[in-house]
Amino acid sequence: MSWATYENGNYKVFIDTRNGTKIRQTTDDKFYPNFPESIDIKITNNCDMLCPMCHEMSTPGGKHGDILNAQFIDSLHPYTELAIGGGNPFTHPDLVAFLDKLHSKKVIANITVNQIHFIEWFNVIKWLTSFDLVKGIGVSLTDVDDEFVKKIKYFDNTVIHVINGMITVKELEKLYDKNLKILILGYKMKGRGLEYYQKAGNLINENMETLRKNMVSVMNHFKIVSFDNLAIEQLGIQHLLSPERWANFYNGDDGEFTMYIDLVENKFSVSSTSLIRNDLLDNVDKMFAQVRKAVGIKCATCEGN
């Protein structure tokens, strides 16, 4: 049985641990969680890609986080989803031990990696998934070829990540009708992303506008198309859906059910683009209470209301 259930504040969560499908259920008018359902967590700033739009400004000499000694890990609740990234998370020497620790706590570990590194570390990823240490795999697209499509379809839970403004509709067309899942991320005006926008802003804006105009068509050619909140705003996705569909599929604002943790700098915040970051605490519930307070929404019974 792949479905798990847990209580969070004033509601229940039903989650399919096989594919991430999630249902929330409450008798109240709103959901008030006490802890995050999902955490975007950076474990390293080490990466050799030097992508021009990298908002984390990762480099080949970037630092690794002390991921095995972070005390808040012990406070994570079963079936919390962790989106592990960097940098290139596969360069971290303690990655496997970290994943094993998460697995022992029934935390759902997903990992995001660049396409080049996905191919390079393919056999390692196969090994990690065979032991259920990694559930979902996000792959940042760099180029479309037959080898990539074959390898991306090897796993059940792979999602291709593309960045609004950096991807063209013509490039997306190469992935059409192959039963693939994609996640469109908003373009972040931060780090090297800001520097690159200052050089290539006209092209980025043109790509964004073309994608916005063709979004309905694009969505018809993939198994699943999802968006982060920044891409939803940049592409005007809410206007493409009926109020009923929007209510059914929108997963909430940043900080409503989610948060961000940087284990390189030992900071936490609402999201990876937040300018205000706080020092890491030893308990995830306490950090989440501060995140919720920062965005002006309450928990059910947690500290910081």
Protein backbone atom coordinates (compact mmCIF):
# COMPACT_ATOMS: atom_id res chain seq x y z
CA MET A 1 0.00 0.00 0.00
CA SER A 2 1.63 3.27 -1.12
CA TRP A 3 -0.75 5.72 0.61
CA ALA A 4 0.25 7.24 3.95
CA THR A 5 -1.76 9.49 6.26
CA TYR A 6 -0.69 12.06 8.81
CA GLU A 7 -2.24 14.91 10.79
CA ASN A 8 -0.91 18.44 10.53
CA GLY A 9 -2.64 21.12 12.59
CA ASN A 10 -6.34 21.11 11.80
CA TYR A 11 -6.27 18.75 8.82
CA LYS A 12 -5.24 15.35 7.52
CA VAL A 13 -2.91 14.70 4.62
CA PHE A 14 -3.19 11.63 2.42
CA ILE A 15 -0.07 11.17 0.31
CA ASP A 16 0.83 8.54 -2.24
CA THR A 17 4.48 7.86 -1.36
CA ARG A 18 4.98 6.30 -4.78
CA ASN A 19 4.21 9.34 -6.93
CA GLY A 20 3.62 12.28 -4.55
CA THR A 21 -0.11 12.68 -5.14
CA LYS A 22 -1.51 14.56 -2.14
CA ILE A 23 -4.97 15.20 -0.71
CA ARG A 24 -5.73 17.53 2.20
CA GLN A 25 -8.91 17.10 4.26
CA THR A 26 -10.37 19.29 7.01
CA THR A 27 -13.74 20.12 8.54
CA ASP A 28 -12.75 23.79 8.85
CA ASP A 29 -12.83 26.53 6.23
CA LYS A 30 -9.02 26.79 5.99
CA PHE A 31 -5.93 24.67 6.52
CA TYR A 32 -3.64 25.62 9.42
CA PRO A 33 -0.51 23.44 9.42
CA ASN A 34 1.88 23.19 12.35
CA PHE A 35 4.83 22.01 10.28
CA PRO A 36 5.83 22.24 6.62
CA GLU A 37 4.58 19.61 4.22
CA SER A 38 7.51 20.32 1.92
CA ILE A 39 10.95 21.87 2.39
CA ASP A 40 13.27 23.09 -0.35
CA ILE A 41 16.71 22.36 1.09
CA LYS A 42 20.12 23.37 -0.26
CA ILE A 43 22.93 21.05 0.86
CA THR A 44 25.85 22.37 -1.20
CA ASN A 45 27.00 25.31 -3.27
CA ASN A 46 29.44 23.15 -5.20
CA CYS A 47 28.78 22.79 -8.95
CA ASP A 48 30.94 22.84 -12.06
CA MET A 49 28.22 23.99 -14.49
CA LEU A 50 28.48 27.77 -13.87
CA CYS A 51 25.01 28.27 -15.38
CA PRO A 52 24.49 31.97 -16.22
CA MET A 53 21.04 32.10 -14.54
CA CYS A 54 22.07 30.33 -11.31
CA HIS A 55 20.48 32.34 -8.50
CA GLU A 56 22.54 30.43 -5.93
CA MET A 57 25.82 31.47 -7.63
CA SER A 58 27.21 27.94 -7.27
CA THR A 59 30.84 27.35 -8.29
CA PRO A 60 33.29 24.42 -8.56
CA GLY A 61 34.80 25.57 -5.26
CA GLY A 62 31.46 26.05 -3.50
CA LYS A 63 31.08 24.88 0.11
CA HIS A 64 29.19 21.83 1.31
CA GLY A 65 26.71 22.07 4.17
CA ASP A 66 27.17 20.11 7.40
CA ILE A 67 24.12 18.01 6.66
CA LEU A 68 24.68 15.18 9.15
CA ASN A 69 24.88 17.45 12.20
CA ALA A 70 21.93 19.75 11.53
CA GLN A 71 19.82 19.28 14.67
CA PHE A 72 16.49 20.17 13.08
CA ILE A 73 16.63 16.95 11.03
CA ASP A 74 15.66 15.04 14.17
CA SER A 75 12.47 17.12 14.42
CA LEU A 76 11.24 16.35 10.89
CA HIS A 77 7.84 14.66 10.77
CA PRO A 78 7.23 11.41 8.88
CA TYR A 79 6.21 11.92 5.24
CA THR A 80 7.54 15.47 5.08
CA GLU A 81 8.86 15.99 1.54
CA LEU A 82 12.41 17.31 1.13
CA ALA A 83 13.45 18.75 -2.23
CA ILE A 84 17.23 18.38 -2.02
CA GLY A 85 19.36 20.54 -4.28
CA GLY A 86 22.45 22.70 -4.58
CA GLY A 87 24.73 23.20 -6.41
CA ASN A 88 25.18 19.64 -7.48
CA PRO A 89 24.00 17.49 -4.55
CA PHE A 90 25.93 14.48 -5.86
CA THR A 91 29.23 16.18 -5.04
CA HIS A 92 28.39 16.15 -1.34
CA PRO A 93 30.44 13.42 0.40
CA ASP A 94 27.72 12.76 2.99
CA LEU A 95 24.77 12.54 0.58
CA VAL A 96 24.12 8.80 0.94
CA ALA A 97 24.40 8.90 4.74
CA PHE A 98 22.03 11.88 4.77
CA LEU A 99 19.50 10.10 2.58
CA ASP A 100 19.73 7.00 4.76
CA LYS A 101 19.02 9.12 7.84
CA LEU A 102 15.98 10.67 6.17
CA HIS A 103 14.74 7.24 5.10
CA SER A 104 14.95 5.97 8.68
CA LYS A 105 12.66 8.85 9.71
CA LYS A 106 10.19 8.12 6.87
CA VAL A 107 10.98 11.50 5.31
CA ILE A 108 10.36 11.57 1.55
CA ALA A 109 13.56 12.62 -0.21
CA ASN A 110 13.45 14.09 -3.70
CA ILE A 111 16.52 15.40 -5.48
CA THR A 112 17.17 17.98 -8.20
CA VAL A 113 20.13 17.71 -10.55
CA ASN A 114 21.31 19.22 -13.82
CA GLN A 115 20.81 17.12 -16.95
CA ILE A 116 24.58 16.76 -17.46
CA HIS A 117 24.98 15.44 -13.92
CA PHE A 118 21.87 13.27 -14.28
CA ILE A 119 23.56 11.43 -17.16
CA GLU A 120 26.91 11.35 -15.33
CA TRP A 121 25.42 9.99 -12.09
CA PHE A 122 22.73 7.84 -13.71
CA ASN A 123 23.90 4.54 -12.20
CA VAL A 124 24.15 6.10 -8.75
CA ILE A 125 20.60 7.41 -9.08
CA LYS A 126 19.43 3.93 -10.09
CA TRP A 127 21.08 2.55 -6.96
CA LEU A 128 19.54 5.20 -4.70
CA THR A 129 16.05 4.64 -6.06
CA SER A 130 16.41 0.85 -5.83
CA PHE A 131 16.86 1.22 -2.07
CA ASP A 132 14.04 3.77 -1.88
CA LEU A 133 16.46 6.46 -0.65
CA VAL A 134 15.25 8.85 -3.34
CA LYS A 135 11.63 9.08 -4.49
CA GLY A 136 11.41 11.88 -7.05
CA ILE A 137 14.07 13.22 -9.40
CA GLY A 138 14.01 16.70 -10.88
CA VAL A 139 16.26 17.17 -13.89
CA SER A 140 17.19 20.66 -15.07
CA LEU A 141 17.09 20.61 -18.87
CA THR A 142 20.12 21.67 -20.89
CA ASP A 143 19.53 19.93 -24.22
CA VAL A 144 17.12 17.42 -25.74
CA ASP A 145 18.44 14.23 -27.33
CA ASP A 146 17.33 10.61 -27.61
CA GLU A 147 19.64 9.39 -24.82
CA PHE A 148 18.22 11.92 -22.39
CA VAL A 149 14.60 11.03 -23.18
CA LYS A 150 15.36 7.32 -22.80
CA LYS A 151 17.08 7.80 -19.44
CA ILE A 152 14.48 10.24 -18.09
CA LYS A 153 11.75 7.68 -18.81
CA TYR A 154 13.66 4.93 -17.00
CA PHE A 155 12.33 6.22 -13.67
CA ASP A 156 8.65 6.59 -12.82
CA ASN A 157 9.07 9.83 -10.84
CA THR A 158 11.21 12.09 -13.00
CA VAL A 159 10.20 15.65 -13.75
CA ILE A 160 12.00 17.81 -16.28
CA HIS A 161 12.72 21.30 -14.92
CA VAL A 162 12.80 24.26 -17.29
CA ILE A 163 13.15 27.97 -16.50
CA ASN A 164 10.73 30.53 -17.85
CA GLY A 165 12.67 32.85 -20.12
CA MET A 166 15.51 30.37 -20.63
CA ILE A 167 13.41 27.81 -22.52
CA THR A 168 11.85 28.40 -25.92
CA VAL A 169 8.64 26.87 -27.23
CA LYS A 170 10.63 25.29 -30.07
CA GLU A 171 12.83 23.51 -27.52
CA LEU A 172 9.77 22.30 -25.63
CA GLU A 173 8.32 20.97 -28.87
CA LYS A 174 11.19 18.44 -29.00
CA LEU A 175 9.67 16.88 -25.85
CA TYR A 176 6.07 16.86 -27.07
CA ASP A 177 3.92 13.73 -26.87
CA LYS A 178 6.49 11.54 -25.10
CA ASN A 179 4.43 11.04 -21.91
CA LEU A 180 6.76 13.33 -19.95
CA LYS A 181 6.25 15.52 -16.89
CA ILE A 182 7.68 19.04 -16.73
CA LEU A 183 7.97 21.72 -14.07
CA ILE A 184 8.25 25.32 -15.23
CA LEU A 185 10.20 27.49 -12.80
CA GLY A 186 10.06 31.25 -12.66
CA TYR A 187 13.12 33.26 -13.67
CA LYS A 188 14.81 34.47 -10.47
CA MET A 189 16.30 37.97 -10.39
CA LYS A 190 18.97 36.92 -7.94
CA GLY A 191 22.64 35.97 -8.02
CA ARG A 192 23.93 35.28 -11.53
CA GLY A 193 20.32 35.34 -12.69
CA LEU A 194 20.21 39.09 -12.11
CA GLU A 195 23.56 39.60 -13.83
CA TYR A 196 22.45 37.57 -16.85
CA TYR A 197 19.12 39.39 -17.08
CA GLN A 198 20.97 42.70 -17.26
CA LYS A 199 22.81 41.35 -20.33
CA ALA A 200 20.08 39.33 -22.03
CA GLY A 201 16.84 40.77 -20.63
CA ASN A 202 15.26 41.40 -24.04
CA LEU A 203 15.71 37.78 -25.13
CA ILE A 204 14.51 36.46 -21.78
CA ASN A 205 11.39 38.65 -21.90
CA GLU A 206 10.71 37.58 -25.48
CA ASN A 207 10.92 33.90 -24.51
CA MET A 208 8.60 34.51 -21.55
CA GLU A 209 6.02 36.25 -23.69
CA THR A 210 6.11 33.55 -26.38
CA LEU A 211 5.66 30.83 -23.78
CA ARG A 212 2.80 32.75 -22.15
CA LYS A 213 0.97 33.01 -25.47
CA ASN A 214 1.46 29.31 -26.22
CA MET A 215 0.92 27.94 -22.72
CA VAL A 216 -2.40 26.22 -23.41
CA SER A 217 -0.93 24.41 -26.40
CA VAL A 218 2.20 23.42 -24.45
CA MET A 219 0.11 21.92 -21.63
CA ASN A 220 -1.69 19.65 -24.09
CA HIS A 221 1.52 17.83 -25.07
CA PHE A 222 2.79 16.64 -21.69
CA LYS A 223 1.57 14.10 -19.17
CA ILE A 224 1.80 16.73 -16.42
CA VAL A 225 2.77 20.39 -16.48
CA SER A 226 3.34 22.06 -13.12
CA PHE A 227 4.67 25.45 -12.05
CA ASP A 228 6.36 27.04 -9.08
CA ASN A 229 4.67 30.12 -7.67
CA LEU A 230 7.01 32.53 -9.44
CA ALA A 231 6.25 30.98 -12.84
CA ILE A 232 2.52 31.07 -12.06
CA GLU A 233 2.84 34.82 -11.56
CA GLN A 234 5.13 35.45 -14.53
CA LEU A 235 2.99 33.41 -16.96
CA GLY A 236 -0.44 34.37 -15.61
CA ILE A 237 -1.45 30.74 -15.15
CA GLN A 238 -4.43 31.46 -12.90
CA HIS A 239 -6.17 33.23 -15.78
CA LEU A 240 -5.94 30.08 -17.91
CA LEU A 241 -7.97 27.98 -15.47
CA SER A 242 -11.55 28.08 -14.28
CA PRO A 243 -12.00 29.04 -10.59
CA GLU A 244 -12.91 25.43 -9.83
CA ARG A 245 -9.79 23.99 -11.47
CA TRP A 246 -7.62 26.65 -9.84
CA ALA A 247 -9.03 25.80 -6.40
CA ASN A 248 -8.41 22.08 -6.99
CA PHE A 249 -4.86 22.31 -8.31
CA TYR A 250 -3.23 25.33 -6.63
CA ASN A 251 -1.05 24.09 -3.75
CA GLY A 252 -0.74 27.36 -1.83
CA ASP A 253 1.45 30.44 -1.55
CA ASP A 254 5.11 30.27 -0.53
CA GLY A 255 5.24 29.81 3.22
CA GLU A 256 1.70 28.47 3.46
CA PHE A 257 2.73 24.80 3.47
CA THR A 258 6.39 25.13 2.50
CA MET A 259 9.71 26.70 3.50
CA TYR A 260 13.35 26.93 2.44
CA ILE A 261 16.49 25.86 4.31
CA ASP A 262 20.07 26.64 3.31
CA LEU A 263 22.41 24.17 5.03
CA VAL A 264 25.47 25.85 3.52
CA GLU A 265 24.82 29.18 5.23
CA ASN A 266 22.69 27.65 8.04
CA LYS A 267 19.74 29.92 7.29
CA PHE A 268 16.01 29.45 6.72
CA SER A 269 13.39 31.58 4.99
CA VAL A 270 10.06 31.58 3.19
CA SER A 271 11.65 30.63 -0.14
CA SER A 272 15.00 30.55 -1.93
CA THR A 273 14.39 34.06 -3.26
CA SER A 274 13.57 35.62 0.13
CA LEU A 275 15.81 38.55 1.02
CA ILE A 276 15.18 38.09 4.75
CA ARG A 277 16.80 34.95 6.13
CA ASN A 278 17.02 33.79 9.73
CA ASP A 279 19.60 31.69 11.54
CA LEU A 280 18.83 27.99 11.56
CA LEU A 281 17.02 26.68 14.65
CA ASP A 282 17.09 23.17 16.14
CA ASN A 283 13.39 22.49 15.51
CA VAL A 284 11.49 22.61 12.20
CA ASP A 285 8.17 23.49 13.86
CA LYS A 286 9.71 26.63 15.42
CA MET A 287 11.21 27.67 12.08
CA PHE A 288 7.94 27.10 10.26
CA ALA A 289 6.08 29.21 12.82
CA GLN A 290 8.41 32.10 11.99
CA VAL A 291 7.93 31.50 8.26
CA ARG A 292 4.14 31.56 8.62
CA LYS A 293 4.34 34.72 10.72
CA ALA A 294 6.56 36.36 8.10
CA VAL A 295 3.91 35.84 5.40
CA GLY A 296 1.06 36.83 7.72
CA ILE A 297 -0.70 33.51 8.18
CA LYS A 298 -1.27 31.46 11.32
CA CYS A 299 -0.50 27.91 12.39
CA ALA A 300 -3.12 25.89 14.27
CA THR A 301 -1.38 25.68 17.63
CA CYS A 302 2.30 26.33 16.90
CA GLU A 303 4.49 28.94 18.54
CA GLY A 304 4.72 32.37 17.00
CA ASN A 305 1.02 33.08 16.24
